[in-house]
Amino acid sequence: MRPSTLRALSRAAELTRQNRLTEAMLMAEPVILVADDIEGEEIRRWLLDHIADFTGENHEIPKELP
């Protein structure tokens, strides 16, 4: 994942915890939309691994169906 993408996602998580969802979406959406398939999968994995960064809570990651 590009460093700029990671910075945008991390900042979006911070804004979400501050109840600034609109700003978080404005930060994250552009980098998600321009991601290729490989980076898109890295973003998906990062989001699943960092749910608590957005919510401030711990959540169990759902297992994928076969």
N, C-alpha and C. Protein backbone atom coordinates (compact mmCIF):
# COMPACT_ATOMS: atom_id res chain seq x y z
N MET A 1 0.85 -1.17 0.00
CA MET A 1 0.00 0.00 0.00
C MET A 1 0.90 1.24 0.00
N ARG A 2 0.51 2.20 -0.80
CA ARG A 2 1.30 3.44 -0.87
C ARG A 2 1.25 4.17 0.48
N PRO A 3 2.34 4.82 0.85
CA PRO A 3 2.35 5.58 2.11
C PRO A 3 1.26 6.65 2.16
N SER A 4 0.96 7.28 1.04
CA SER A 4 -0.08 8.31 1.03
C SER A 4 -1.46 7.70 1.31
N THR A 5 -1.68 6.49 0.85
CA THR A 5 -2.95 5.79 1.12
C THR A 5 -3.05 5.47 2.60
N LEU A 6 -1.97 4.95 3.16
CA LEU A 6 -1.97 4.62 4.58
C LEU A 6 -2.19 5.86 5.43
N ARG A 7 -1.56 6.97 5.07
CA ARG A 7 -1.77 8.22 5.83
C ARG A 7 -3.23 8.65 5.75
N ALA A 8 -3.84 8.56 4.57
CA ALA A 8 -5.24 8.96 4.40
C ALA A 8 -6.16 8.08 5.24
N LEU A 9 -5.93 6.77 5.23
CA LEU A 9 -6.77 5.86 6.01
C LEU A 9 -6.60 6.09 7.51
N SER A 10 -5.38 6.31 7.93
CA SER A 10 -5.12 6.57 9.35
C SER A 10 -5.78 7.87 9.79
N ARG A 11 -5.69 8.89 8.96
CA ARG A 11 -6.33 10.17 9.28
C ARG A 11 -7.86 10.01 9.30
N ALA A 12 -8.40 9.23 8.38
CA ALA A 12 -9.84 8.98 8.36
C ALA A 12 -10.28 8.28 9.64
N ALA A 13 -9.47 7.34 10.11
CA ALA A 13 -9.79 6.67 11.37
C ALA A 13 -9.81 7.66 12.53
N GLU A 14 -8.82 8.53 12.56
CA GLU A 14 -8.75 9.55 13.61
C GLU A 14 -9.98 10.46 13.57
N LEU A 15 -10.35 10.91 12.39
CA LEU A 15 -11.52 11.78 12.25
C LEU A 15 -12.81 11.06 12.65
N THR A 16 -12.91 9.79 12.32
CA THR A 16 -14.09 9.01 12.69
C THR A 16 -14.23 8.93 14.20
N ARG A 17 -13.13 8.69 14.89
CA ARG A 17 -13.17 8.63 16.36
C ARG A 17 -13.59 9.97 16.96
N GLN A 18 -13.36 11.05 16.22
CA GLN A 18 -13.75 12.39 16.69
C GLN A 18 -15.17 12.75 16.23
N ASN A 19 -15.92 11.76 15.73
CA ASN A 19 -17.28 11.96 15.22
C ASN A 19 -17.33 12.95 14.06
N ARG A 20 -16.30 12.92 13.22
CA ARG A 20 -16.23 13.78 12.04
C ARG A 20 -16.26 12.90 10.79
N LEU A 21 -17.38 12.16 10.67
CA LEU A 21 -17.50 11.15 9.62
C LEU A 21 -17.44 11.74 8.22
N THR A 22 -18.08 12.87 8.00
CA THR A 22 -18.06 13.47 6.66
C THR A 22 -16.63 13.78 6.23
N GLU A 23 -15.86 14.37 7.13
CA GLU A 23 -14.46 14.67 6.81
C GLU A 23 -13.65 13.39 6.61
N ALA A 24 -13.96 12.37 7.40
CA ALA A 24 -13.26 11.09 7.25
C ALA A 24 -13.51 10.49 5.87
N MET A 25 -14.75 10.55 5.43
CA MET A 25 -15.09 10.03 4.11
C MET A 25 -14.41 10.84 3.01
N LEU A 26 -14.37 12.15 3.18
CA LEU A 26 -13.70 12.99 2.19
C LEU A 26 -12.21 12.68 2.11
N MET A 27 -11.63 12.23 3.20
CA MET A 27 -10.21 11.89 3.24
C MET A 27 -9.96 10.51 2.62
N ALA A 28 -10.79 9.54 2.94
CA ALA A 28 -10.53 8.16 2.53
C ALA A 28 -11.06 7.80 1.14
N GLU A 29 -12.20 8.35 0.78
CA GLU A 29 -12.83 7.93 -0.47
C GLU A 29 -11.95 8.10 -1.72
N PRO A 30 -11.27 9.22 -1.90
CA PRO A 30 -10.46 9.37 -3.11
C PRO A 30 -9.36 8.32 -3.25
N VAL A 31 -8.70 7.97 -2.16
CA VAL A 31 -7.63 6.97 -2.27
C VAL A 31 -8.19 5.58 -2.50
N ILE A 32 -9.37 5.32 -1.97
CA ILE A 32 -10.00 4.02 -2.19
C ILE A 32 -10.44 3.89 -3.65
N LEU A 33 -10.99 4.96 -4.19
CA LEU A 33 -11.50 4.92 -5.56
C LEU A 33 -10.40 4.77 -6.62
N VAL A 34 -9.21 5.29 -6.36
CA VAL A 34 -8.13 5.19 -7.35
C VAL A 34 -7.24 3.96 -7.17
N ALA A 35 -7.49 3.17 -6.14
CA ALA A 35 -6.67 1.99 -5.88
C ALA A 35 -6.88 0.94 -6.96
N ASP A 36 -5.79 0.31 -7.36
CA ASP A 36 -5.91 -0.82 -8.27
C ASP A 36 -6.33 -2.06 -7.48
N ASP A 37 -6.47 -3.19 -8.16
CA ASP A 37 -6.94 -4.40 -7.49
C ASP A 37 -6.04 -4.83 -6.34
N ILE A 38 -4.74 -4.73 -6.54
CA ILE A 38 -3.80 -5.16 -5.50
C ILE A 38 -3.89 -4.24 -4.29
N GLU A 39 -3.82 -2.93 -4.53
CA GLU A 39 -3.90 -2.01 -3.40
C GLU A 39 -5.29 -2.05 -2.77
N GLY A 40 -6.32 -2.26 -3.57
CA GLY A 40 -7.67 -2.38 -3.03
C GLY A 40 -7.78 -3.52 -2.03
N GLU A 41 -7.13 -4.64 -2.34
CA GLU A 41 -7.12 -5.77 -1.40
C GLU A 41 -6.33 -5.42 -0.14
N GLU A 42 -5.22 -4.69 -0.30
CA GLU A 42 -4.45 -4.25 0.87
C GLU A 42 -5.27 -3.31 1.73
N ILE A 43 -6.03 -2.43 1.12
CA ILE A 43 -6.90 -1.50 1.85
C ILE A 43 -7.96 -2.29 2.61
N ARG A 44 -8.58 -3.25 1.93
CA ARG A 44 -9.61 -4.07 2.57
C ARG A 44 -9.05 -4.77 3.80
N ARG A 45 -7.87 -5.38 3.65
CA ARG A 45 -7.24 -6.09 4.77
C ARG A 45 -6.91 -5.12 5.90
N TRP A 46 -6.39 -3.93 5.55
CA TRP A 46 -6.04 -2.92 6.56
C TRP A 46 -7.29 -2.51 7.32
N LEU A 47 -8.38 -2.27 6.61
CA LEU A 47 -9.63 -1.86 7.26
C LEU A 47 -10.13 -2.93 8.22
N LEU A 48 -10.07 -4.19 7.79
CA LEU A 48 -10.49 -5.28 8.68
C LEU A 48 -9.58 -5.39 9.89
N ASP A 49 -8.28 -5.20 9.69
CA ASP A 49 -7.32 -5.30 10.78
C ASP A 49 -7.38 -4.11 11.74
N HIS A 50 -7.97 -2.99 11.30
CA HIS A 50 -7.95 -1.78 12.10
C HIS A 50 -9.35 -1.27 12.43
N ILE A 51 -10.30 -2.17 12.59
CA ILE A 51 -11.65 -1.77 12.96
C ILE A 51 -11.64 -0.92 14.22
N ALA A 52 -10.85 -1.31 15.19
CA ALA A 52 -10.81 -0.57 16.46
C ALA A 52 -10.27 0.84 16.28
N ASP A 53 -9.46 1.09 15.25
CA ASP A 53 -8.96 2.44 14.98
C ASP A 53 -10.11 3.38 14.64
N PHE A 54 -11.15 2.84 14.03
CA PHE A 54 -12.29 3.66 13.64
C PHE A 54 -13.33 3.77 14.76
N THR A 55 -13.52 2.70 15.51
CA THR A 55 -14.59 2.67 16.50
C THR A 55 -14.12 2.92 17.92
N GLY A 56 -12.83 2.71 18.14
CA GLY A 56 -12.32 2.82 19.50
C GLY A 56 -12.68 1.59 20.33
N GLU A 57 -13.25 0.57 19.70
CA GLU A 57 -13.65 -0.66 20.38
C GLU A 57 -12.95 -1.84 19.71
N ASN A 58 -12.92 -2.96 20.41
CA ASN A 58 -12.37 -4.18 19.82
C ASN A 58 -13.51 -5.01 19.26
N HIS A 59 -13.35 -5.48 18.04
CA HIS A 59 -14.36 -6.30 17.38
C HIS A 59 -13.70 -7.55 16.85
N GLU A 60 -14.47 -8.63 16.82
CA GLU A 60 -13.98 -9.86 16.23
C GLU A 60 -14.12 -9.76 14.72
N ILE A 61 -13.08 -10.12 14.00
CA ILE A 61 -13.11 -10.08 12.54
C ILE A 61 -13.88 -11.30 12.04
N PRO A 62 -14.91 -11.08 11.21
CA PRO A 62 -15.67 -12.23 10.69
C PRO A 62 -14.82 -13.09 9.78
N LYS A 63 -15.01 -14.39 9.88
CA LYS A 63 -14.28 -15.31 9.01
C LYS A 63 -14.99 -15.37 7.67
N GLU A 64 -14.18 -15.45 6.61
CA GLU A 64 -14.74 -15.52 5.26
C GLU A 64 -15.33 -16.90 5.02
N LEU A 65 -16.38 -16.94 4.26
CA LEU A 65 -17.01 -18.20 3.89
C LEU A 65 -16.20 -18.88 2.80
N PRO A 66 -16.17 -20.20 2.78
CA PRO A 66 -15.39 -20.90 1.75
C PRO A 66 -15.96 -20.70 0.37
